[in-house]
Amino acid sequence: MLRHDDGEWTAVAGSLGVARERLLLVRQVHGTAIALARRGDAGAWKLPEADALVTDDPDVAIGVRVADCAPVLMFDPVTNVAAAVHAGWRGTAARASLFAARRMTGEFGCLERDIIAAIGPCLGRCCGEVGPEVRDAFRAGGTSDLMLERWFTPGPGDRLFLDLERANRDQLENAGLDPARIFTSGLCTKTHHERLHSYRGHGPHAGRLLGAIRVSARSETGADTAPA
């Protein structure tokens, strides 16, 4: 996925079964704001400043762009609600995935036990070298010492290695999701930068991966009429 290729964006939207203007994105700022796209909402999408989207509208697809950050997708097949989260280290430190899951339960009546989650390719612990200020940000965001020990391993000097995938998985479990319903790719974007876009691997001109999801259309009886 390139950054400004309209033809490619149109092709991606088509693969999700929606028109280009119905592939909803956000202006990502490495925070925890959540944009809602409710079924029946009128008007054009305004590209809000946010790092997560939640929807119950089968006529749209939602997505987040990443190039080392973790794309987290969630779906509740009972209430037919989906979420997409952009979780870099800043968003993860602020527990973006956890808050998106809670928004699904609070706004749409989802039950934690019903939610299925997938964490896509992201910068792995093998390549996730960060400074001590990153661990400090996690601590300031409420991460316990126990979790800090799970997510950070010592590197050279004062450097550390962050396990971004594990941190998001643990946060989803802390939100109440069933561990058996959380799936991870195990792929590091920098390690596989020849096939996956990586800011660490390619620098500022790196392209972007898209994590996208669409809820299924349902008949009046509640049966699925189109795949998610």
C-alpha atoms as a PDB file:
ATOM      1  CA  MET A   1       0.000   0.000   0.000  1.00  0.00           C
ATOM      2  CA  LEU A   2       1.562   3.270  -1.124  1.00  0.00           C
ATOM      3  CA  ARG A   3       0.724   6.542   0.594  1.00  0.00           C
ATOM      4  CA  HIS A   4      -0.880   8.512  -2.248  1.00  0.00           C
ATOM      5  CA  ASP A   5      -1.875   6.084  -4.981  1.00  0.00           C
ATOM      6  CA  ASP A   6      -5.598   6.564  -5.655  1.00  0.00           C
ATOM      7  CA  GLY A   7      -5.718   3.579  -7.971  1.00  0.00           C
ATOM      8  CA  GLU A   8      -4.327   1.318  -5.282  1.00  0.00           C
ATOM      9  CA  TRP A   9      -6.748   2.682  -2.669  1.00  0.00           C
ATOM     10  CA  THR A  10      -9.639   2.050  -5.061  1.00  0.00           C
ATOM     11  CA  ALA A  11      -8.453  -1.525  -5.601  1.00  0.00           C
ATOM     12  CA  VAL A  12      -8.192  -2.129  -1.845  1.00  0.00           C
ATOM     13  CA  ALA A  13     -11.687  -0.726  -1.285  1.00  0.00           C
ATOM     14  CA  GLY A  14     -12.987  -2.970  -4.062  1.00  0.00           C
ATOM     15  CA  SER A  15     -11.420  -6.028  -2.430  1.00  0.00           C
ATOM     16  CA  LEU A  16     -13.457  -5.180   0.674  1.00  0.00           C
ATOM     17  CA  GLY A  17     -16.636  -4.791  -1.379  1.00  0.00           C
ATOM     18  CA  VAL A  18     -17.064  -1.038  -0.902  1.00  0.00           C
ATOM     19  CA  ALA A  19     -16.599   2.091  -2.992  1.00  0.00           C
ATOM     20  CA  ARG A  20     -13.441   4.124  -2.401  1.00  0.00           C
ATOM     21  CA  GLU A  21     -15.321   6.771  -0.415  1.00  0.00           C
ATOM     22  CA  ARG A  22     -16.750   4.079   1.872  1.00  0.00           C
ATOM     23  CA  LEU A  23     -13.315   2.908   3.005  1.00  0.00           C
ATOM     24  CA  LEU A  24     -13.074   4.997   6.164  1.00  0.00           C
ATOM     25  CA  LEU A  25      -9.693   6.084   7.474  1.00  0.00           C
ATOM     26  CA  VAL A  26      -8.585   8.543  10.149  1.00  0.00           C
ATOM     27  CA  ARG A  27      -5.855  11.146  10.527  1.00  0.00           C
ATOM     28  CA  GLN A  28      -3.539   9.145  12.781  1.00  0.00           C
ATOM     29  CA  VAL A  29      -1.699  11.016  15.538  1.00  0.00           C
ATOM     30  CA  HIS A  30      -0.395   8.217  17.811  1.00  0.00           C
ATOM     31  CA  GLY A  31      -3.100   8.774  20.427  1.00  0.00           C
ATOM     32  CA  THR A  32      -6.180   7.032  21.792  1.00  0.00           C
ATOM     33  CA  ALA A  33      -9.075   8.984  20.253  1.00  0.00           C
ATOM     34  CA  ILE A  34     -11.737   6.711  18.732  1.00  0.00           C
ATOM     35  CA  ALA A  35     -13.914   7.624  15.754  1.00  0.00           C
ATOM     36  CA  LEU A  36     -17.366   6.038  15.507  1.00  0.00           C
ATOM     37  CA  ALA A  37     -19.127   5.199  12.243  1.00  0.00           C
ATOM     38  CA  ARG A  38     -22.645   4.231  13.223  1.00  0.00           C
ATOM     39  CA  ARG A  39     -25.065   2.487  10.916  1.00  0.00           C
ATOM     40  CA  GLY A  40     -27.410   5.036   9.393  1.00  0.00           C
ATOM     41  CA  ASP A  41     -25.130   8.037   9.930  1.00  0.00           C
ATOM     42  CA  ALA A  42     -25.584  10.543   7.129  1.00  0.00           C
ATOM     43  CA  GLY A  43     -23.008  12.769   5.490  1.00  0.00           C
ATOM     44  CA  ALA A  44     -19.508  12.432   4.153  1.00  0.00           C
ATOM     45  CA  TRP A  45     -16.706  11.070   6.298  1.00  0.00           C
ATOM     46  CA  LYS A  46     -14.604  13.991   7.567  1.00  0.00           C
ATOM     47  CA  LEU A  47     -11.318  12.114   8.214  1.00  0.00           C
ATOM     48  CA  PRO A  48     -11.277  12.752  11.957  1.00  0.00           C
ATOM     49  CA  GLU A  49      -8.110  12.936  14.029  1.00  0.00           C
ATOM     50  CA  ALA A  50      -8.037   9.558  15.786  1.00  0.00           C
ATOM     51  CA  ASP A  51      -6.161   6.279  15.998  1.00  0.00           C
ATOM     52  CA  ALA A  52      -9.051   3.831  16.199  1.00  0.00           C
ATOM     53  CA  LEU A  53     -12.406   3.341  14.513  1.00  0.00           C
ATOM     54  CA  VAL A  54     -15.459   1.376  15.634  1.00  0.00           C
ATOM     55  CA  THR A  55     -18.449   0.612  13.422  1.00  0.00           C
ATOM     56  CA  ASP A  56     -21.625  -1.429  13.143  1.00  0.00           C
ATOM     57  CA  ASP A  57     -22.256  -0.289   9.543  1.00  0.00           C
ATOM     58  CA  PRO A  58     -21.977  -3.053   6.908  1.00  0.00           C
ATOM     59  CA  ASP A  59     -21.873  -0.453   4.135  1.00  0.00           C
ATOM     60  CA  VAL A  60     -18.404   0.756   5.110  1.00  0.00           C
ATOM     61  CA  ALA A  61     -14.974  -0.735   5.726  1.00  0.00           C
ATOM     62  CA  ILE A  62     -12.646   0.749   8.326  1.00  0.00           C
ATOM     63  CA  GLY A  63      -8.867   0.702   8.325  1.00  0.00           C
ATOM     64  CA  VAL A  64      -5.616   1.924   9.830  1.00  0.00           C
ATOM     65  CA  ARG A  65      -2.252   2.430   8.107  1.00  0.00           C
ATOM     66  CA  VAL A  66       0.948   1.107   9.649  1.00  0.00           C
ATOM     67  CA  ALA A  67       4.657   0.729   8.902  1.00  0.00           C
ATOM     68  CA  ASP A  68       6.014  -0.886  12.118  1.00  0.00           C
ATOM     69  CA  CYS A  69       3.099   0.071  14.402  1.00  0.00           C
ATOM     70  CA  ALA A  70       0.664  -2.713  15.259  1.00  0.00           C
ATOM     71  CA  PRO A  71      -2.650  -2.929  13.375  1.00  0.00           C
ATOM     72  CA  VAL A  72      -5.251  -4.397  15.734  1.00  0.00           C
ATOM     73  CA  LEU A  73      -8.567  -5.573  14.282  1.00  0.00           C
ATOM     74  CA  MET A  74     -11.524  -6.700  16.394  1.00  0.00           C
ATOM     75  CA  PHE A  75     -14.899  -8.185  15.529  1.00  0.00           C
ATOM     76  CA  ASP A  76     -17.906  -9.225  17.586  1.00  0.00           C
ATOM     77  CA  PRO A  77     -19.969 -11.691  15.517  1.00  0.00           C
ATOM     78  CA  VAL A  78     -22.895 -11.453  17.955  1.00  0.00           C
ATOM     79  CA  THR A  79     -23.520  -7.709  17.734  1.00  0.00           C
ATOM     80  CA  ASN A  80     -21.819  -7.383  14.306  1.00  0.00           C
ATOM     81  CA  VAL A  81     -19.445  -4.645  15.450  1.00  0.00           C
ATOM     82  CA  ALA A  82     -15.847  -4.144  14.339  1.00  0.00           C
ATOM     83  CA  ALA A  83     -12.888  -2.014  15.350  1.00  0.00           C
ATOM     84  CA  ALA A  84      -9.544  -1.104  13.806  1.00  0.00           C
ATOM     85  CA  VAL A  85      -6.726   0.289  15.965  1.00  0.00           C
ATOM     86  CA  HIS A  86      -3.393   1.907  15.088  1.00  0.00           C
ATOM     87  CA  ALA A  87      -1.120   0.995  18.005  1.00  0.00           C
ATOM     88  CA  GLY A  88       2.436   2.270  17.819  1.00  0.00           C
ATOM     89  CA  TRP A  89       4.480   2.478  20.983  1.00  0.00           C
ATOM     90  CA  ARG A  90       2.806   5.749  21.995  1.00  0.00           C
ATOM     91  CA  GLY A  91      -0.687   4.374  21.448  1.00  0.00           C
ATOM     92  CA  THR A  92       0.209   1.139  23.179  1.00  0.00           C
ATOM     93  CA  ALA A  93       1.672   3.034  26.131  1.00  0.00           C
ATOM     94  CA  ALA A  94      -1.694   4.812  26.373  1.00  0.00           C
ATOM     95  CA  ARG A  95      -3.571   1.456  26.019  1.00  0.00           C
ATOM     96  CA  ALA A  96      -5.286   2.257  22.718  1.00  0.00           C
ATOM     97  CA  SER A  97      -6.350  -1.347  22.051  1.00  0.00           C
ATOM     98  CA  LEU A  98      -7.834  -1.732  25.519  1.00  0.00           C
ATOM     99  CA  PHE A  99      -9.862   1.463  25.177  1.00  0.00           C
ATOM    100  CA  ALA A 100     -11.135   0.472  21.728  1.00  0.00           C
ATOM    101  CA  ALA A 101     -12.381  -2.842  23.124  1.00  0.00           C
ATOM    102  CA  ARG A 102     -14.085  -0.994  25.961  1.00  0.00           C
ATOM    103  CA  ARG A 103     -15.705   1.347  23.453  1.00  0.00           C
ATOM    104  CA  MET A 104     -17.163  -1.657  21.671  1.00  0.00           C
ATOM    105  CA  THR A 105     -18.706  -2.878  24.925  1.00  0.00           C
ATOM    106  CA  GLY A 106     -19.773   0.529  26.204  1.00  0.00           C
ATOM    107  CA  GLU A 107     -21.231   2.007  23.010  1.00  0.00           C
ATOM    108  CA  PHE A 108     -22.493  -1.061  21.165  1.00  0.00           C
ATOM    109  CA  GLY A 109     -23.250  -3.595  23.895  1.00  0.00           C
ATOM    110  CA  CYS A 110     -20.574  -6.105  22.915  1.00  0.00           C
ATOM    111  CA  LEU A 111     -19.511  -8.716  25.445  1.00  0.00           C
ATOM    112  CA  GLU A 112     -15.778  -9.128  25.907  1.00  0.00           C
ATOM    113  CA  ARG A 113     -15.999 -12.902  25.626  1.00  0.00           C
ATOM    114  CA  ASP A 114     -17.507 -12.621  22.120  1.00  0.00           C
ATOM    115  CA  ILE A 115     -14.850 -10.363  20.610  1.00  0.00           C
ATOM    116  CA  ILE A 116     -12.318 -11.860  18.215  1.00  0.00           C
ATOM    117  CA  ALA A 117      -9.052  -9.933  17.762  1.00  0.00           C
ATOM    118  CA  ALA A 118      -6.146 -10.096  15.328  1.00  0.00           C
ATOM    119  CA  ILE A 119      -2.831  -8.276  15.684  1.00  0.00           C
ATOM    120  CA  GLY A 120      -1.091  -7.889  12.343  1.00  0.00           C
ATOM    121  CA  PRO A 121       2.606  -7.647  11.459  1.00  0.00           C
ATOM    122  CA  CYS A 122       4.492  -5.001  13.431  1.00  0.00           C
ATOM    123  CA  LEU A 123       7.971  -4.222  14.689  1.00  0.00           C
ATOM    124  CA  GLY A 124       9.023  -7.284  16.660  1.00  0.00           C
ATOM    125  CA  ARG A 125      10.955  -7.562  19.890  1.00  0.00           C
ATOM    126  CA  CYS A 126      13.943  -8.617  17.772  1.00  0.00           C
ATOM    127  CA  CYS A 127      14.109  -5.178  16.127  1.00  0.00           C
ATOM    128  CA  GLY A 128      12.092  -2.988  18.477  1.00  0.00           C
ATOM    129  CA  GLU A 129      14.997  -1.111  20.011  1.00  0.00           C
ATOM    130  CA  VAL A 130      13.877   1.943  22.001  1.00  0.00           C
ATOM    131  CA  GLY A 131      15.251   4.324  24.602  1.00  0.00           C
ATOM    132  CA  PRO A 132      14.419   4.375  28.319  1.00  0.00           C
ATOM    133  CA  GLU A 133      11.974   7.229  27.729  1.00  0.00           C
ATOM    134  CA  VAL A 134       9.645   4.741  26.014  1.00  0.00           C
ATOM    135  CA  ARG A 135       9.502   2.539  29.097  1.00  0.00           C
ATOM    136  CA  ASP A 136       8.928   5.689  31.155  1.00  0.00           C
ATOM    137  CA  ALA A 137       5.962   6.559  28.926  1.00  0.00           C
ATOM    138  CA  PHE A 138       4.458   3.117  29.524  1.00  0.00           C
ATOM    139  CA  ARG A 139       4.921   3.519  33.253  1.00  0.00           C
ATOM    140  CA  ALA A 140       3.293   6.965  33.129  1.00  0.00           C
ATOM    141  CA  GLY A 141       0.379   5.414  31.214  1.00  0.00           C
ATOM    142  CA  GLY A 142      -0.325   3.029  34.077  1.00  0.00           C
ATOM    143  CA  THR A 143       1.645  -0.068  33.064  1.00  0.00           C
ATOM    144  CA  SER A 144       2.658  -2.150  36.076  1.00  0.00           C
ATOM    145  CA  ASP A 145       6.235  -3.166  36.802  1.00  0.00           C
ATOM    146  CA  LEU A 146       5.259  -6.778  36.092  1.00  0.00           C
ATOM    147  CA  MET A 147       4.064  -5.889  32.592  1.00  0.00           C
ATOM    148  CA  LEU A 148       7.098  -3.698  31.971  1.00  0.00           C
ATOM    149  CA  GLU A 149       9.275  -6.723  32.671  1.00  0.00           C
ATOM    150  CA  ARG A 150       7.194  -8.798  30.225  1.00  0.00           C
ATOM    151  CA  TRP A 151       7.304  -6.251  27.419  1.00  0.00           C
ATOM    152  CA  PHE A 152      10.816  -4.796  27.674  1.00  0.00           C
ATOM    153  CA  THR A 153      14.103  -6.683  27.575  1.00  0.00           C
ATOM    154  CA  PRO A 154      17.541  -5.116  28.121  1.00  0.00           C
ATOM    155  CA  GLY A 155      19.612  -4.045  25.122  1.00  0.00           C
ATOM    156  CA  PRO A 156      23.035  -2.442  24.757  1.00  0.00           C
ATOM    157  CA  GLY A 157      23.758   0.335  27.256  1.00  0.00           C
ATOM    158  CA  ASP A 158      20.497   1.942  28.329  1.00  0.00           C
ATOM    159  CA  ARG A 159      18.635   0.683  25.258  1.00  0.00           C
ATOM    160  CA  LEU A 160      15.659  -1.681  25.486  1.00  0.00           C
ATOM    161  CA  PHE A 161      13.708  -3.948  23.158  1.00  0.00           C
ATOM    162  CA  LEU A 162       9.921  -3.585  23.176  1.00  0.00           C
ATOM    163  CA  ASP A 163       7.619  -6.508  22.359  1.00  0.00           C
ATOM    164  CA  LEU A 164       4.804  -4.492  20.778  1.00  0.00           C
ATOM    165  CA  GLU A 165       2.756  -7.519  19.785  1.00  0.00           C
ATOM    166  CA  ARG A 166       2.826  -9.016  23.260  1.00  0.00           C
ATOM    167  CA  ALA A 167       1.967  -5.690  24.876  1.00  0.00           C
ATOM    168  CA  ASN A 168      -1.178  -5.340  22.763  1.00  0.00           C
ATOM    169  CA  ARG A 169      -2.148  -8.957  23.336  1.00  0.00           C
ATOM    170  CA  ASP A 170      -1.808  -8.543  27.093  1.00  0.00           C
ATOM    171  CA  GLN A 171      -3.840  -5.336  27.005  1.00  0.00           C
ATOM    172  CA  LEU A 172      -6.645  -7.080  25.116  1.00  0.00           C
ATOM    173  CA  GLU A 173      -6.640  -9.871  27.676  1.00  0.00           C
ATOM    174  CA  ASN A 174      -6.743  -7.230  30.402  1.00  0.00           C
ATOM    175  CA  ALA A 175      -9.792  -5.755  28.674  1.00  0.00           C
ATOM    176  CA  GLY A 176     -11.514  -9.121  29.184  1.00  0.00           C
ATOM    177  CA  LEU A 177     -11.022 -10.796  25.803  1.00  0.00           C
ATOM    178  CA  ASP A 178     -10.650 -14.569  25.712  1.00  0.00           C
ATOM    179  CA  PRO A 179      -6.960 -15.389  25.053  1.00  0.00           C
ATOM    180  CA  ALA A 180      -8.059 -18.173  22.701  1.00  0.00           C
ATOM    181  CA  ARG A 181      -9.803 -15.579  20.512  1.00  0.00           C
ATOM    182  CA  ILE A 182      -6.767 -13.311  20.099  1.00  0.00           C
ATOM    183  CA  PHE A 183      -4.624 -14.109  17.053  1.00  0.00           C
ATOM    184  CA  THR A 184      -1.164 -12.758  16.222  1.00  0.00           C
ATOM    185  CA  SER A 185       0.920 -12.881  13.044  1.00  0.00           C
ATOM    186  CA  GLY A 186       4.324 -13.288  14.702  1.00  0.00           C
ATOM    187  CA  LEU A 187       5.851 -11.322  11.805  1.00  0.00           C
ATOM    188  CA  CYS A 188       8.322  -8.468  12.345  1.00  0.00           C
ATOM    189  CA  THR A 189       7.946  -5.767   9.693  1.00  0.00           C
ATOM    190  CA  LYS A 190      11.629  -4.801   9.767  1.00  0.00           C
ATOM    191  CA  THR A 191      12.855  -8.393   9.563  1.00  0.00           C
ATOM    192  CA  HIS A 192      10.590  -8.924   6.552  1.00  0.00           C
ATOM    193  CA  HIS A 193      10.959  -5.427   5.089  1.00  0.00           C
ATOM    194  CA  GLU A 194      11.473  -6.816   1.590  1.00  0.00           C
ATOM    195  CA  ARG A 195       7.828  -7.947   1.667  1.00  0.00           C
ATOM    196  CA  LEU A 196       6.304  -5.697   4.343  1.00  0.00           C
ATOM    197  CA  HIS A 197       6.497  -1.921   4.661  1.00  0.00           C
ATOM    198  CA  SER A 198       8.704  -0.823   7.551  1.00  0.00           C
ATOM    199  CA  TYR A 199       9.740   2.653   8.659  1.00  0.00           C
ATOM    200  CA  ARG A 200      12.758   1.150  10.424  1.00  0.00           C
ATOM    201  CA  GLY A 201      13.642  -0.805   7.294  1.00  0.00           C
ATOM    202  CA  HIS A 202      12.938   1.782   4.594  1.00  0.00           C
ATOM    203  CA  GLY A 203      13.074   5.162   6.339  1.00  0.00           C
ATOM    204  CA  PRO A 204      10.730   8.125   5.809  1.00  0.00           C
ATOM    205  CA  HIS A 205       9.799   7.035   2.280  1.00  0.00           C
ATOM    206  CA  ALA A 206       8.365   3.731   3.453  1.00  0.00           C
ATOM    207  CA  GLY A 207       4.956   2.775   2.163  1.00  0.00           C
ATOM    208  CA  ARG A 208       2.126   1.697   4.431  1.00  0.00           C
ATOM    209  CA  LEU A 209       0.354  -1.544   5.219  1.00  0.00           C
ATOM    210  CA  LEU A 210      -3.402  -1.367   5.710  1.00  0.00           C
ATOM    211  CA  GLY A 211      -5.261  -3.252   8.420  1.00  0.00           C
ATOM    212  CA  ALA A 212      -8.910  -3.168   7.366  1.00  0.00           C
ATOM    213  CA  ILE A 213     -12.164  -4.852   8.339  1.00  0.00           C
ATOM    214  CA  ARG A 214     -15.837  -4.765   7.362  1.00  0.00           C
ATOM    215  CA  VAL A 215     -18.784  -6.168   9.280  1.00  0.00           C
ATOM    216  CA  SER A 216     -21.153  -8.494   7.473  1.00  0.00           C
ATOM    217  CA  ALA A 217     -24.515  -7.511   6.060  1.00  0.00           C
ATOM    218  CA  ARG A 218     -27.395  -9.310   7.757  1.00  0.00           C
ATOM    219  CA  SER A 219     -30.928 -10.139   6.813  1.00  0.00           C
ATOM    220  CA  GLU A 220     -33.890  -9.285   9.051  1.00  0.00           C
ATOM    221  CA  THR A 221     -33.541 -12.737  10.618  1.00  0.00           C
ATOM    222  CA  GLY A 222     -29.976 -11.927  11.661  1.00  0.00           C
ATOM    223  CA  ALA A 223     -28.322 -14.304   9.203  1.00  0.00           C
ATOM    224  CA  ASP A 224     -25.167 -13.192   7.439  1.00  0.00           C
ATOM    225  CA  THR A 225     -25.714 -12.263   3.801  1.00  0.00           C
ATOM    226  CA  ALA A 226     -22.147 -11.206   2.937  1.00  0.00           C
ATOM    227  CA  PRO A 227     -18.735 -12.034   4.335  1.00  0.00           C
ATOM    228  CA  ALA A 228     -16.956  -9.643   6.673  1.00  0.00           C
END
